[in-house]
Each structure stands twice: as structure tokens, then as C-alpha cells.
């Protein structure tokens, strides 16, 4: 968790009226997912069942982005955590920086054109068990900085992914697919979400090719 809140912690020592440079290290990224061997064990433990419908689903039932302290929202913390050469204003929102989209390998230079992407989509979480959660638990899931759930993504590729699972969509950048599968399995595992048969088969194939 310390790593996840690093950007916000940096701001704590800065006067709120200042415009500051947040020096993001080259390795800045979401918390790394478990190794392949662990991911395979976690996948084997996931419940396999048919997904429910999207009936009753709304993004509003997964409140985000919440305040993470020092006037920074979850989105702003991720933009600082994963960006390079990020400058932020007194409101904590970046005014300048570069963000890498691992799904397609593109670099985005506008904070307004980079999405903070839920790797396990909110709609997918709903179909996989989150519909039965409390609002508080859905809020925690939608703002999860502890696991590899939140990623920077180029807006067009995020739109293509939508609420799809790995049986229906995979990152076009093949070099990221192993990381994607490991992170996806881990997020579903730690949050107790289910997979359907096609989804499990797709994840098994991905992990076997890591």
C-alpha cells in the first residue's frame, strides 16, 4: 500500500498553492501481479459459474474516484504513480506529463486523454458476483490501489475493451498479455469473483504461454 500512495505522500510536504513536479521513477506502475505459478494456483481456486446478467448494473454503484488524502482522488494518485515527468497544480490534477498505455504500447501526453482503466471491468465484476456486494465493498474495489486493478490506458483501446473478459478481448500488444492474465486472475482471486468456463479456458491458455 505504501507504494500505491507514494504520489499522494509526496504532496503532503508541498504547500497547496504550489505547482510541483512529481518525479515518477521509470518503474512506476501498478503493484506487480503474482508470478505465473501463483497465478495458476489462484485460477484453479476460482469458482466457475455462469455469469449473471447486467440487470441492475450502474457504474454509480461502484463509487469512484474517492478522496485518497491531500486533496487527491484515486484517479489523480494513479496518474502521478504511473506517469513520467508529471506536473500537478494546487488541486492535485496533473497539468503535464506522459502516460504509457500497456494494452497497445501508446504514449499519451494529455492527462485528459488517458483513462484510468479497471483491468477487471466494473461490469464484469458485477456479472461475476459484485452485484451481491455492499456499496462500501464495491467502492473499495473500484478504487483498489493495493492490487493490479487500475492501469493507465489510451482512451480508444479502453473503449474497445469495455466490460469484456479475456475470452472476448485481449490486449493487442502481445507482450502485455501474460501480465494482463496474471493481474486479472489475482484481482478476481483476492476479491472472490467467479469466472465462467470460456473465461477460465482463455486465462489457462494465456498462463500456459507465459
Protein backbone atom coordinates (compact mmCIF):
# COMPACT_ATOMS: atom_id res chain seq x y z
CA UNK A 1 0.00 0.00 0.00
CA UNK A 2 2.93 2.35 0.66
CA UNK A 3 3.90 2.19 -2.99
CA UNK A 4 0.34 2.82 -4.11
CA UNK A 5 0.13 6.01 -2.08
CA UNK A 6 3.62 7.25 -2.96
CA UNK A 7 2.37 10.05 -5.18
CA UNK A 8 -0.03 11.32 -2.56
CA UNK A 9 2.65 11.13 0.11
CA UNK A 10 4.94 13.32 -1.98
CA UNK A 11 2.29 16.00 -1.99
CA UNK A 12 1.97 16.08 1.78
CA UNK A 13 5.14 18.12 2.11
CA UNK A 14 4.19 20.62 -0.62
CA UNK A 15 2.23 23.83 0.03
CA UNK A 16 -1.22 23.55 -1.54
CA UNK A 17 -0.69 26.75 -3.51
CA UNK A 18 2.32 25.39 -5.36
CA UNK A 19 2.65 23.84 -8.79
CA UNK A 20 5.01 20.93 -8.33
CA UNK A 21 6.93 18.40 -10.32
CA UNK A 22 6.32 14.81 -9.28
CA UNK A 23 9.36 12.82 -10.35
CA UNK A 24 7.97 9.42 -11.25
CA UNK A 25 10.55 6.62 -11.44
CA UNK A 26 10.84 4.64 -14.65
CA UNK A 27 9.49 1.59 -12.82
CA UNK A 28 6.30 3.33 -11.68
CA UNK A 29 3.39 1.01 -12.33
CA UNK A 30 0.55 -0.78 -10.56
CA UNK A 31 1.61 -3.28 -7.87
CA UNK A 32 3.10 -6.26 -9.72
CA UNK A 33 0.84 -9.30 -10.00
CA UNK A 34 1.96 -12.70 -8.68
CA UNK A 35 4.23 -14.97 -10.71
CA UNK A 36 2.79 -17.40 -13.24
CA UNK A 37 2.95 -20.39 -10.88
CA UNK A 38 0.96 -18.50 -8.24
CA UNK A 39 -1.50 -17.21 -10.84
CA UNK A 40 -2.18 -20.78 -11.97
CA UNK A 41 -2.87 -21.84 -8.38
CA UNK A 42 -5.19 -18.87 -7.86
CA UNK A 43 -7.03 -19.60 -11.12
CA UNK A 44 -7.60 -23.20 -10.00
CA UNK A 45 -9.27 -21.89 -6.84
CA UNK A 46 -11.70 -19.54 -8.58
CA UNK A 47 -15.32 -20.60 -8.66
CA UNK A 48 -16.54 -21.44 -12.15
CA UNK A 49 -20.13 -20.49 -12.84
CA UNK A 50 -22.30 -18.87 -15.45
CA UNK A 51 -22.25 -15.10 -15.30
CA UNK A 52 -25.35 -13.25 -14.18
CA UNK A 53 -26.93 -10.57 -16.35
CA UNK A 54 -26.19 -6.85 -16.16
CA UNK A 55 -29.67 -6.24 -14.79
CA UNK A 56 -29.47 -3.51 -12.17
CA UNK A 57 -25.89 -2.59 -13.07
CA UNK A 58 -24.71 1.01 -12.92
CA UNK A 59 -21.24 2.48 -12.62
CA UNK A 60 -22.71 4.66 -9.89
CA UNK A 61 -22.96 1.51 -7.76
CA UNK A 62 -19.13 1.44 -7.76
CA UNK A 63 -18.41 4.95 -6.39
CA UNK A 64 -15.17 6.34 -7.81
CA UNK A 65 -12.95 8.24 -7.77
CA UNK A 66 -12.76 8.72 -3.99
CA UNK A 67 -10.51 11.04 -1.99
CA UNK A 68 -7.18 9.40 -1.11
CA UNK A 69 -5.90 12.20 1.09
CA UNK A 70 -4.11 15.51 0.49
CA UNK A 71 -6.92 16.51 -1.88
CA UNK A 72 -6.03 13.78 -4.36
CA UNK A 73 -8.58 11.39 -5.84
CA UNK A 74 -7.79 7.80 -6.78
CA UNK A 75 -7.52 8.84 -10.44
CA UNK A 76 -5.03 11.57 -9.59
CA UNK A 77 -2.93 9.23 -7.45
CA UNK A 78 -2.72 6.74 -10.34
CA UNK A 79 -1.86 9.48 -12.84
CA UNK A 80 1.03 10.52 -10.61
CA UNK A 81 2.06 6.96 -9.76
CA UNK A 82 2.23 5.73 -13.34
CA UNK A 83 3.20 8.89 -15.22
CA UNK A 84 6.56 10.31 -16.22
CA UNK A 85 7.51 13.97 -15.68
CA UNK A 86 4.14 14.68 -14.11
CA UNK A 87 3.35 18.23 -13.01
CA UNK A 88 0.33 18.86 -10.82
CA UNK A 89 -1.46 22.03 -9.82
CA UNK A 90 -2.73 23.10 -6.42
CA UNK A 91 -5.84 20.93 -6.97
CA UNK A 92 -3.66 17.79 -7.39
CA UNK A 93 -4.72 17.35 -11.04
CA UNK A 94 -1.84 16.87 -13.49
CA UNK A 95 -1.15 19.72 -15.88
CA UNK A 96 1.62 17.95 -17.74
CA UNK A 97 3.14 14.51 -18.12
CA UNK A 98 3.46 11.35 -20.20
CA UNK A 99 1.48 8.17 -19.67
CA UNK A 100 2.13 4.77 -21.19
CA UNK A 101 -0.76 2.55 -22.27
CA UNK A 102 0.49 -1.06 -21.91
CA UNK A 103 -2.52 -2.50 -23.75
CA UNK A 104 -1.39 -1.01 -27.08
CA UNK A 105 2.04 0.49 -26.41
CA UNK A 106 0.99 4.10 -27.00
CA UNK A 107 2.20 7.11 -25.01
CA UNK A 108 -0.31 9.84 -24.19
CA UNK A 109 0.80 13.35 -23.26
CA UNK A 110 -2.53 14.82 -22.18
CA UNK A 111 -3.99 13.95 -18.74
CA UNK A 112 -7.42 14.48 -20.26
CA UNK A 113 -6.88 11.79 -22.90
CA UNK A 114 -5.57 8.99 -20.69
CA UNK A 115 -8.05 6.71 -18.95
CA UNK A 116 -7.65 5.01 -15.60
CA UNK A 117 -8.78 1.56 -16.56
CA UNK A 118 -10.27 -1.13 -14.32
CA UNK A 119 -8.47 -4.24 -15.54
CA UNK A 120 -11.37 -6.37 -14.29
CA UNK A 121 -14.10 -4.12 -15.62
CA UNK A 122 -16.81 -2.94 -13.26
CA UNK A 123 -19.48 -4.54 -15.45
CA UNK A 124 -17.53 -7.82 -15.44
CA UNK A 125 -17.22 -7.66 -11.67
CA UNK A 126 -20.98 -7.14 -11.42
CA UNK A 127 -21.66 -10.21 -13.54
CA UNK A 128 -19.13 -12.22 -11.54
CA UNK A 129 -20.51 -11.59 -8.06
CA UNK A 130 -20.20 -7.90 -7.20
CA UNK A 131 -23.94 -7.39 -7.64
CA UNK A 132 -24.31 -9.05 -4.22
CA UNK A 133 -21.74 -6.82 -2.52
CA UNK A 134 -22.41 -3.82 -0.33
CA UNK A 135 -21.83 -0.39 -1.82
CA UNK A 136 -18.85 0.01 0.50
CA UNK A 137 -17.20 -3.12 -0.91
CA UNK A 138 -17.89 -2.03 -4.49
CA UNK A 139 -16.36 1.36 -3.66
CA UNK A 140 -13.24 -0.35 -2.33
CA UNK A 141 -12.98 -2.50 -5.45
CA UNK A 142 -13.37 0.44 -7.83
CA UNK A 143 -10.58 2.33 -6.04
CA UNK A 144 -8.23 -0.62 -5.37
CA UNK A 145 -4.66 0.68 -5.25
CA UNK A 146 -3.29 -2.37 -3.45
CA UNK A 147 -3.62 -4.80 -6.36
CA UNK A 148 -3.00 -4.55 -10.11
CA UNK A 149 -6.56 -3.44 -10.90
CA UNK A 150 -6.02 0.17 -12.01
CA UNK A 151 -3.96 0.91 -15.14
CA UNK A 152 -3.40 3.86 -17.44
CA UNK A 153 -4.86 3.18 -20.87
CA UNK A 154 -5.28 5.06 -24.11
CA UNK A 155 -8.95 6.05 -24.33
CA UNK A 156 -9.73 4.35 -27.71
CA UNK A 157 -8.33 0.99 -26.55
CA UNK A 158 -10.20 1.27 -23.27
CA UNK A 159 -13.39 1.85 -25.22
CA UNK A 160 -12.77 -1.29 -27.28
CA UNK A 161 -12.19 -3.35 -24.15
CA UNK A 162 -15.30 -2.07 -22.42
CA UNK A 163 -16.70 -4.63 -19.99
CA UNK A 164 -15.29 -7.67 -21.80
CA UNK A 165 -13.44 -10.53 -20.12
CA UNK A 166 -10.34 -12.30 -21.56
CA UNK A 167 -12.49 -14.77 -23.50
CA UNK A 168 -13.86 -11.86 -25.53
CA UNK A 169 -11.00 -9.35 -25.58
CA UNK A 170 -7.23 -9.36 -25.15
CA UNK A 171 -4.69 -6.53 -25.30
CA UNK A 172 -3.48 -6.12 -28.91
CA UNK A 173 0.08 -5.77 -27.57
CA UNK A 174 1.05 -9.42 -27.15
CA UNK A 175 3.96 -8.63 -24.82
CA UNK A 176 1.50 -7.48 -22.18
CA UNK A 177 -0.84 -10.46 -22.29
CA UNK A 178 0.97 -12.55 -19.70
CA UNK A 179 0.98 -9.67 -17.20
CA UNK A 180 -2.65 -9.00 -18.06
CA UNK A 181 -3.65 -12.60 -17.32
CA UNK A 182 -1.69 -12.75 -14.06
CA UNK A 183 -3.18 -9.47 -12.85
CA UNK A 184 -6.70 -10.41 -13.94
CA UNK A 185 -6.60 -13.73 -12.09
CA UNK A 186 -5.16 -12.15 -8.97
CA UNK A 187 -7.80 -9.40 -8.83
CA UNK A 188 -10.60 -11.95 -9.21
CA UNK A 189 -8.97 -14.17 -6.61
CA UNK A 190 -8.45 -11.55 -3.89
CA UNK A 191 -11.95 -10.15 -4.41
CA UNK A 192 -13.67 -13.56 -4.56
CA UNK A 193 -15.11 -13.11 -8.03
CA UNK A 194 -16.07 -16.05 -10.23
CA UNK A 195 -15.12 -16.94 -13.80
CA UNK A 196 -17.16 -18.66 -16.46
CA UNK A 197 -15.89 -21.65 -18.43
CA UNK A 198 -14.80 -19.70 -21.54
CA UNK A 199 -13.05 -17.13 -19.37
CA UNK A 200 -11.15 -19.79 -17.41
CA UNK A 201 -10.11 -21.55 -20.61
CA UNK A 202 -8.79 -18.29 -22.06
CA UNK A 203 -6.86 -17.49 -18.89
CA UNK A 204 -5.43 -21.01 -18.72
CA UNK A 205 -4.18 -20.70 -22.28
CA UNK A 206 -2.62 -17.31 -21.60
CA UNK A 207 -0.81 -18.52 -18.49
CA UNK A 208 0.44 -21.63 -20.27
CA UNK A 209 2.07 -19.39 -22.87
CA UNK A 210 3.77 -17.05 -20.42
